[in-house]
C-alpha atoms as a PDB file:
ATOM      1  CA  MET A   1      95.256  80.952 162.517  1.00  0.00           C
ATOM      2  CA  ALA A   2      95.192  77.146 162.344  1.00  0.00           C
ATOM      3  CA  GLY A   3      98.215  75.313 163.685  1.00  0.00           C
ATOM      4  CA  ILE A   4      99.207  77.870 166.304  1.00  0.00           C
ATOM      5  CA  ILE A   5      99.799  76.485 169.793  1.00  0.00           C
ATOM      6  CA  ASP A   6      98.934  78.825 172.664  1.00  0.00           C
ATOM      7  CA  CYS A   7     101.474  78.781 175.514  1.00  0.00           C
ATOM      8  CA  PRO A   8     100.915  82.068 177.345  1.00  0.00           C
ATOM      9  CA  SER A   9     103.864  83.922 178.826  1.00  0.00           C
ATOM     10  CA  PRO A  10     103.312  86.074 181.923  1.00  0.00           C
ATOM     11  CA  ASN A  11     105.719  88.656 180.534  1.00  0.00           C
ATOM     12  CA  TYR A  12     103.638  91.420 178.996  1.00  0.00           C
ATOM     13  CA  ASP A  13     101.816  94.638 179.796  1.00  0.00           C
ATOM     14  CA  GLU A  14      99.563  97.150 178.036  1.00  0.00           C
ATOM     15  CA  ARG A  15     100.439  98.899 174.789  1.00  0.00           C
ATOM     16  CA  THR A  16     100.656 102.689 174.669  1.00  0.00           C
ATOM     17  CA  LEU A  17     101.021 102.946 170.865  1.00  0.00           C
ATOM     18  CA  PRO A  18      99.178 101.468 167.875  1.00  0.00           C
ATOM     19  CA  ILE A  19     100.830  98.521 166.135  1.00  0.00           C
ATOM     20  CA  SER A  20     102.914  99.719 163.187  1.00  0.00           C
ATOM     21  CA  MET A  21     105.934  97.388 163.102  1.00  0.00           C
ATOM     22  CA  VAL A  22     107.093  93.777 163.022  1.00  0.00           C
ATOM     23  CA  VAL A  23     110.421  92.995 164.679  1.00  0.00           C
ATOM     24  CA  LEU A  24     112.123  89.704 163.797  1.00  0.00           C
ATOM     25  CA  HIS A  25     114.555  87.973 166.162  1.00  0.00           C
ATOM     26  CA  TYR A  26     116.464  84.777 166.578  1.00  0.00           C
ATOM     27  CA  THR A  27     116.298  83.112 169.977  1.00  0.00           C
ATOM     28  CA  GLY A  28     120.084  82.858 170.323  1.00  0.00           C
ATOM     29  CA  MET A  29     119.910  79.882 172.670  1.00  0.00           C
ATOM     30  CA  GLN A  30     121.116  76.303 172.382  1.00  0.00           C
ATOM     31  CA  ASP A  31     117.700  74.821 171.624  1.00  0.00           C
ATOM     32  CA  ALA A  32     113.985  75.558 171.393  1.00  0.00           C
ATOM     33  CA  ALA A  33     113.222  74.252 174.887  1.00  0.00           C
ATOM     34  CA  SER A  34     115.731  76.644 176.470  1.00  0.00           C
ATOM     35  CA  ALA A  35     114.289  79.564 174.497  1.00  0.00           C
ATOM     36  CA  PHE A  36     110.721  78.660 175.471  1.00  0.00           C
ATOM     37  CA  ARG A  37     111.644  78.446 179.156  1.00  0.00           C
ATOM     38  CA  ARG A  38     113.267  81.869 179.045  1.00  0.00           C
ATOM     39  CA  LEU A  39     110.418  83.521 177.144  1.00  0.00           C
ATOM     40  CA  THR A  40     107.896  82.238 179.708  1.00  0.00           C
ATOM     41  CA  ASP A  41     110.002  82.718 182.862  1.00  0.00           C
ATOM     42  CA  PRO A  42     108.616  85.592 184.967  1.00  0.00           C
ATOM     43  CA  GLU A  43     112.106  86.211 186.366  1.00  0.00           C
ATOM     44  CA  ALA A  44     113.578  86.714 182.878  1.00  0.00           C
ATOM     45  CA  LYS A  45     111.169  89.533 182.008  1.00  0.00           C
ATOM     46  CA  VAL A  46     111.408  88.813 178.275  1.00  0.00           C
ATOM     47  CA  SER A  47     108.837  87.520 175.814  1.00  0.00           C
ATOM     48  CA  ALA A  48     107.594  87.785 172.245  1.00  0.00           C
ATOM     49  CA  HIS A  49     104.226  87.443 170.598  1.00  0.00           C
ATOM     50  CA  TYR A  50     105.262  84.352 168.643  1.00  0.00           C
ATOM     51  CA  MET A  51     108.059  81.795 168.541  1.00  0.00           C
ATOM     52  CA  ILE A  52     108.602  79.651 165.442  1.00  0.00           C
ATOM     53  CA  SER A  53     110.549  76.395 165.731  1.00  0.00           C
ATOM     54  CA  GLU A  54     112.900  75.146 163.044  1.00  0.00           C
ATOM     55  CA  ASP A  55     110.281  72.621 161.898  1.00  0.00           C
ATOM     56  CA  GLY A  56     107.707  75.408 161.438  1.00  0.00           C
ATOM     57  CA  GLN A  57     105.634  75.026 164.599  1.00  0.00           C
ATOM     58  CA  VAL A  58     104.225  78.394 165.686  1.00  0.00           C
ATOM     59  CA  ILE A  59     103.733  79.102 169.393  1.00  0.00           C
ATOM     60  CA  ARG A  60     101.774  82.145 170.545  1.00  0.00           C
ATOM     61  CA  LEU A  61     103.209  83.489 173.775  1.00  0.00           C
ATOM     62  CA  VAL A  62     101.504  86.890 174.047  1.00  0.00           C
ATOM     63  CA  GLU A  63      98.275  88.101 172.471  1.00  0.00           C
ATOM     64  CA  GLU A  64      98.822  90.705 169.764  1.00  0.00           C
ATOM     65  CA  ASP A  65      96.888  93.409 171.589  1.00  0.00           C
ATOM     66  CA  LYS A  66      99.362  93.240 174.498  1.00  0.00           C
ATOM     67  CA  ARG A  67     102.891  94.633 174.730  1.00  0.00           C
ATOM     68  CA  ALA A  68     105.440  91.825 174.667  1.00  0.00           C
ATOM     69  CA  TRP A  69     108.949  92.452 175.977  1.00  0.00           C
ATOM     70  CA  HIS A  70     111.181  91.555 173.049  1.00  0.00           C
ATOM     71  CA  ALA A  71     112.937  94.674 171.738  1.00  0.00           C
ATOM     72  CA  GLY A  72     114.451  96.120 174.916  1.00  0.00           C
ATOM     73  CA  LYS A  73     116.116  99.524 174.580  1.00  0.00           C
ATOM     74  CA  SER A  74     115.471 100.250 170.931  1.00  0.00           C
ATOM     75  CA  TYR A  75     114.506 102.888 168.375  1.00  0.00           C
ATOM     76  CA  TRP A  76     113.068 103.040 164.879  1.00  0.00           C
ATOM     77  CA  ARG A  77     111.790 105.985 162.858  1.00  0.00           C
ATOM     78  CA  GLY A  78     111.119 108.195 165.838  1.00  0.00           C
ATOM     79  CA  ILE A  79     109.678 105.468 168.042  1.00  0.00           C
ATOM     80  CA  ALA A  80     111.599 104.784 171.253  1.00  0.00           C
ATOM     81  CA  ASP A  81     109.041 102.374 172.739  1.00  0.00           C
ATOM     82  CA  VAL A  82     109.343  99.768 169.995  1.00  0.00           C
ATOM     83  CA  ASN A  83     107.679  97.134 172.176  1.00  0.00           C
ATOM     84  CA  SER A  84     104.479  99.163 172.291  1.00  0.00           C
ATOM     85  CA  ALA A  85     104.404  99.639 168.520  1.00  0.00           C
ATOM     86  CA  SER A  86     105.424  96.191 167.329  1.00  0.00           C
ATOM     87  CA  ILE A  87     104.683  92.511 166.970  1.00  0.00           C
ATOM     88  CA  GLY A  88     107.733  90.504 168.050  1.00  0.00           C
ATOM     89  CA  ILE A  89     108.505  87.166 166.383  1.00  0.00           C
ATOM     90  CA  GLU A  90     111.277  84.876 167.655  1.00  0.00           C
ATOM     91  CA  LEU A  91     112.790  82.333 165.266  1.00  0.00           C
ATOM     92  CA  VAL A  92     114.472  79.384 166.937  1.00  0.00           C
ATOM     93  CA  ASN A  93     118.136  79.547 165.931  1.00  0.00           C
ATOM     94  CA  PRO A  94     121.248  79.165 168.109  1.00  0.00           C
ATOM     95  CA  GLY A  95     122.540  82.517 166.921  1.00  0.00           C
ATOM     96  CA  HIS A  96     126.101  83.713 166.646  1.00  0.00           C
ATOM     97  CA  GLU A  97     127.037  82.470 170.117  1.00  0.00           C
ATOM     98  CA  TRP A  98     125.922  78.850 169.752  1.00  0.00           C
ATOM     99  CA  GLY A  99     126.470  77.964 166.093  1.00  0.00           C
ATOM    100  CA  TYR A 100     124.573  80.326 163.815  1.00  0.00           C
ATOM    101  CA  ARG A 101     123.015  78.585 160.814  1.00  0.00           C
ATOM    102  CA  PRO A 102     120.553  79.261 157.984  1.00  0.00           C
ATOM    103  CA  PHE A 103     116.849  79.294 158.760  1.00  0.00           C
ATOM    104  CA  PRO A 104     115.147  76.116 157.437  1.00  0.00           C
ATOM    105  CA  ASP A 105     112.523  76.297 154.709  1.00  0.00           C
ATOM    106  CA  GLU A 106     109.811  75.000 157.051  1.00  0.00           C
ATOM    107  CA  GLN A 107     110.551  77.782 159.495  1.00  0.00           C
ATOM    108  CA  MET A 108     110.583  80.474 156.811  1.00  0.00           C
ATOM    109  CA  ALA A 109     107.349  79.163 155.287  1.00  0.00           C
ATOM    110  CA  ALA A 110     105.634  79.331 158.682  1.00  0.00           C
ATOM    111  CA  LEU A 111     106.936  82.869 159.172  1.00  0.00           C
ATOM    112  CA  VAL A 112     105.555  83.932 155.790  1.00  0.00           C
ATOM    113  CA  THR A 113     102.141  82.477 156.604  1.00  0.00           C
ATOM    114  CA  LEU A 114     102.093  84.213 159.984  1.00  0.00           C
ATOM    115  CA  MET A 115     103.156  87.553 158.523  1.00  0.00           C
ATOM    116  CA  MET A 116     100.594  87.299 155.723  1.00  0.00           C
ATOM    117  CA  GLY A 117      98.014  87.640 158.475  1.00  0.00           C
ATOM    118  CA  ILE A 118      99.743  90.237 160.636  1.00  0.00           C
ATOM    119  CA  VAL A 119     100.937  92.729 158.013  1.00  0.00           C
ATOM    120  CA  PRO A 120      97.581  93.512 156.345  1.00  0.00           C
ATOM    121  CA  ARG A 121      95.753  93.349 159.674  1.00  0.00           C
ATOM    122  CA  TYR A 122      97.691  96.365 160.952  1.00  0.00           C
ATOM    123  CA  ARG A 123      98.608  97.867 157.572  1.00  0.00           C
ATOM    124  CA  ILE A 124     102.297  97.592 158.356  1.00  0.00           C
ATOM    125  CA  THR A 125     104.528  99.119 155.701  1.00  0.00           C
ATOM    126  CA  ARG A 126     107.513  97.218 154.332  1.00  0.00           C
ATOM    127  CA  GLY A 127     109.911  99.752 155.826  1.00  0.00           C
ATOM    128  CA  ASN A 128     108.617  98.920 159.282  1.00  0.00           C
ATOM    129  CA  ILE A 129     109.361  95.196 159.001  1.00  0.00           C
ATOM    130  CA  VAL A 130     112.769  95.072 160.626  1.00  0.00           C
ATOM    131  CA  GLY A 131     115.268  92.943 162.487  1.00  0.00           C
ATOM    132  CA  HIS A 132     116.239  93.325 166.117  1.00  0.00           C
ATOM    133  CA  SER A 133     119.629  94.584 164.947  1.00  0.00           C
ATOM    134  CA  ASP A 134     117.909  97.388 163.032  1.00  0.00           C
ATOM    135  CA  VAL A 135     116.173  98.747 166.123  1.00  0.00           C
ATOM    136  CA  ALA A 136     119.063  98.063 168.531  1.00  0.00           C
ATOM    137  CA  PRO A 137     122.221  98.226 166.403  1.00  0.00           C
ATOM    138  CA  ALA A 138     124.622  98.714 169.289  1.00  0.00           C
ATOM    139  CA  ARG A 139     123.337  95.668 171.173  1.00  0.00           C
ATOM    140  CA  LYS A 140     121.965  93.074 168.770  1.00  0.00           C
ATOM    141  CA  GLU A 141     122.887  91.086 165.645  1.00  0.00           C
ATOM    142  CA  ASP A 142     119.692  89.128 165.055  1.00  0.00           C
ATOM    143  CA  PRO A 143     118.167  87.742 162.968  1.00  0.00           C
ATOM    144  CA  GLY A 144     121.543  88.129 161.292  1.00  0.00           C
ATOM    145  CA  GLU A 145     123.182  87.955 157.899  1.00  0.00           C
ATOM    146  CA  LEU A 146     121.849  84.468 157.056  1.00  0.00           C
ATOM    147  CA  PHE A 147     118.219  85.492 157.359  1.00  0.00           C
ATOM    148  CA  ASP A 148     116.387  85.354 154.008  1.00  0.00           C
ATOM    149  CA  TRP A 149     115.066  88.895 153.722  1.00  0.00           C
ATOM    150  CA  GLU A 150     114.779  88.501 149.962  1.00  0.00           C
ATOM    151  CA  ARG A 151     112.190  85.755 150.387  1.00  0.00           C
ATOM    152  CA  LEU A 152     110.041  88.150 152.396  1.00  0.00           C
ATOM    153  CA  ALA A 153     110.711  90.984 149.944  1.00  0.00           C
ATOM    154  CA  ARG A 154     109.450  88.946 146.983  1.00  0.00           C
ATOM    155  CA  LEU A 155     106.116  88.687 148.813  1.00  0.00           C
ATOM    156  CA  ARG A 156     106.111  92.387 149.741  1.00  0.00           C
ATOM    157  CA  LEU A 157     106.700  91.479 153.379  1.00  0.00           C
ATOM    158  CA  ALA A 158     109.962  93.444 153.576  1.00  0.00           C
ATOM    159  CA  LEU A 159     111.924  95.988 151.590  1.00  0.00           C
ATOM    160  CA  PRO A 160     114.048  94.424 148.850  1.00  0.00           C
ATOM    161  CA  ARG A 161     117.747  95.086 148.582  1.00  0.00           C
ATOM    162  CA  PRO A 162     118.283  97.632 145.801  1.00  0.00           C
ATOM    163  CA  ARG A 163     120.424  96.057 143.074  1.00  0.00           C
ATOM    164  CA  THR A 164     119.894  98.047 139.896  1.00  0.00           C
ATOM    165  CA  PHE A 165     120.378 101.661 138.831  1.00  0.00           C
ATOM    166  CA  LEU A 166     122.639 102.226 141.836  1.00  0.00           C
ATOM    167  CA  THR A 167     124.387 105.591 141.943  1.00  0.00           C
ATOM    168  CA  ASP A 168     126.900 106.694 144.550  1.00  0.00           C
ATOM    169  CA  PRO A 169     125.833 110.144 145.818  1.00  0.00           C
ATOM    170  CA  HIS A 170     129.338 110.671 147.306  1.00  0.00           C
ATOM    171  CA  TRP A 171     128.032 111.841 150.649  1.00  0.00           C
ATOM    172  CA  SER A 172     130.538 112.531 153.372  1.00  0.00           C
ATOM    173  CA  ASP A 173     130.459 110.021 156.215  1.00  0.00           C
ATOM    174  CA  SER A 174     128.474 112.469 158.314  1.00  0.00           C
ATOM    175  CA  GLY A 175     126.086 112.964 155.388  1.00  0.00           C
ATOM    176  CA  PHE A 176     125.599 109.196 155.121  1.00  0.00           C
ATOM    177  CA  LEU A 177     124.837 108.972 158.834  1.00  0.00           C
ATOM    178  CA  LEU A 178     122.272 111.742 158.578  1.00  0.00           C
ATOM    179  CA  ALA A 179     120.641 109.882 155.693  1.00  0.00           C
ATOM    180  CA  LEU A 180     120.754 106.655 157.707  1.00  0.00           C
ATOM    181  CA  GLU A 181     119.010 108.424 160.585  1.00  0.00           C
ATOM    182  CA  ARG A 182     116.408 109.751 158.163  1.00  0.00           C
ATOM    183  CA  PHE A 183     115.807 106.196 156.966  1.00  0.00           C
ATOM    184  CA  GLY A 184     115.117 105.088 160.528  1.00  0.00           C
ATOM    185  CA  TYR A 185     118.245 104.022 162.373  1.00  0.00           C
ATOM    186  CA  ASP A 186     119.596 105.207 165.720  1.00  0.00           C
ATOM    187  CA  ILE A 187     123.059 106.544 164.831  1.00  0.00           C
ATOM    188  CA  VAL A 188     124.328 107.277 168.357  1.00  0.00           C
ATOM    189  CA  GLU A 189     126.981 104.599 167.793  1.00  0.00           C
ATOM    190  CA  PRO A 190     127.827 105.215 164.129  1.00  0.00           C
ATOM    191  CA  GLU A 191     129.838 102.096 163.310  1.00  0.00           C
ATOM    192  CA  ALA A 192     127.219  99.845 164.895  1.00  0.00           C
ATOM    193  CA  ALA A 193     124.495 101.588 162.904  1.00  0.00           C
ATOM    194  CA  VAL A 194     126.438 101.143 159.645  1.00  0.00           C
ATOM    195  CA  ARG A 195     127.044  97.470 160.397  1.00  0.00           C
ATOM    196  CA  ALA A 196     123.339  96.948 161.155  1.00  0.00           C
ATOM    197  CA  PHE A 197     122.460  98.562 157.838  1.00  0.00           C
ATOM    198  CA  GLN A 198     124.951  96.288 156.067  1.00  0.00           C
ATOM    199  CA  ARG A 199     123.607  93.225 157.872  1.00  0.00           C
ATOM    200  CA  ARG A 200     120.172  94.033 156.509  1.00  0.00           C
ATOM    201  CA  PHE A 201     120.972  95.270 152.998  1.00  0.00           C
ATOM    202  CA  ARG A 202     124.516  94.013 152.209  1.00  0.00           C
ATOM    203  CA  PRO A 203     125.096  90.952 154.374  1.00  0.00           C
ATOM    204  CA  GLU A 204     128.114  89.649 152.467  1.00  0.00           C
ATOM    205  CA  ASN A 205     130.355  92.406 153.903  1.00  0.00           C
ATOM    206  CA  LEU A 206     129.793  93.581 157.471  1.00  0.00           C
ATOM    207  CA  ASP A 207     132.890  95.724 157.882  1.00  0.00           C
ATOM    208  CA  GLY A 208     131.104  98.772 159.351  1.00  0.00           C
ATOM    209  CA  VAL A 209     132.827 100.990 156.777  1.00  0.00           C
ATOM    210  CA  ILE A 210     130.835 103.544 154.782  1.00  0.00           C
ATOM    211  CA  ASP A 211     131.644 102.980 151.116  1.00  0.00           C
ATOM    212  CA  GLY A 212     130.160 103.766 147.713  1.00  0.00           C
ATOM    213  CA  GLU A 213     127.989 100.657 147.657  1.00  0.00           C
ATOM    214  CA  CYS A 214     126.459 101.477 151.044  1.00  0.00           C
ATOM    215  CA  ARG A 215     125.803 105.045 149.954  1.00  0.00           C
ATOM    216  CA  ALA A 216     124.192 103.920 146.699  1.00  0.00           C
ATOM    217  CA  ILE A 217     121.961 101.354 148.422  1.00  0.00           C
ATOM    218  CA  LEU A 218     120.797 103.866 151.013  1.00  0.00           C
ATOM    219  CA  LEU A 219     120.093 106.514 148.364  1.00  0.00           C
ATOM    220  CA  SER A 220     117.992 104.009 146.429  1.00  0.00           C
ATOM    221  CA  LEU A 221     116.052 103.054 149.560  1.00  0.00           C
ATOM    222  CA  LEU A 222     115.342 106.688 150.373  1.00  0.00           C
ATOM    223  CA  THR A 223     114.244 107.594 146.860  1.00  0.00           C
ATOM    224  CA  GLY A 224     112.634 104.359 145.671  1.00  0.00           C
ATOM    225  CA  GLY A 225     115.493 104.196 143.179  1.00  0.00           C
ATOM    226  CA  ASP A 226     114.757 100.875 141.467  1.00  0.00           C
ATOM    227  CA  LYS A 227     111.182 101.804 140.625  1.00  0.00           C
ATOM    228  CA  ALA A 228     111.889 105.441 139.821  1.00  0.00           C
ATOM    229  CA  ALA A 229     114.807 104.619 137.534  1.00  0.00           C
ATOM    230  CA  ALA A 230     112.811 101.923 135.745  1.00  0.00           C
ATOM    231  CA  LEU A 231     110.002 104.382 135.092  1.00  0.00           C
ATOM    232  CA  ARG A 232     112.482 106.965 133.793  1.00  0.00           C
ATOM    233  CA  ASN A 233     113.858 104.390 131.398  1.00  0.00           C
ATOM    234  CA  GLY A 234     110.439 103.325 130.174  1.00  0.00           C
ATOM    235  CA  GLN A 235     110.589  99.919 131.882  1.00  0.00           C
ATOM    236  CA  HIS A 236     107.780  98.303 133.856  1.00  0.00           C
END
């Protein structure tokens, strides 16, 4: 891809699974230089395949066929070695610790261009394009509630937030958690899992409480509710 700068990190090893996921992160450091130093420091033992600066510059740190070390202890849809199954993309942003802020248009545009190549290349489904907080809900918050998932969703590069034909199935809390696990999340720490789900699909309220809106959104995601309801009602 034109415009990518290669700055190899020593922090990688061999994959043991085929690529089936994209995991999006923020760097969570004070500036891009600090993030780059950490992602290429052999002592840090962390890396990603790509890092995108706020002005849209894309840096390739690890070749896609190698296993970058970005997800840590994580889980998604039965996969415990998320690093082996994923492409990791770091977005330069100070994160919640250093002054979390929206992701600039130039950065998002570069991400879209990069993902337009990656997603069809590995036939990655929209449900497997996730945030770090989705795969590690008890540990991580990134890319966070200010990330523009809807921009990706409009381009079929992520699942959209269900907004229409929402119906509360009135599951018990344990029933909701079972459904959340079926969708893909690790529910070992239930409140963290609920908050991660909210951060992704209802970012305006991250209270960690299971309510009717959360239940309705999850039901729609599991059943393809928007599309199915539209078809039932003769809409296209």
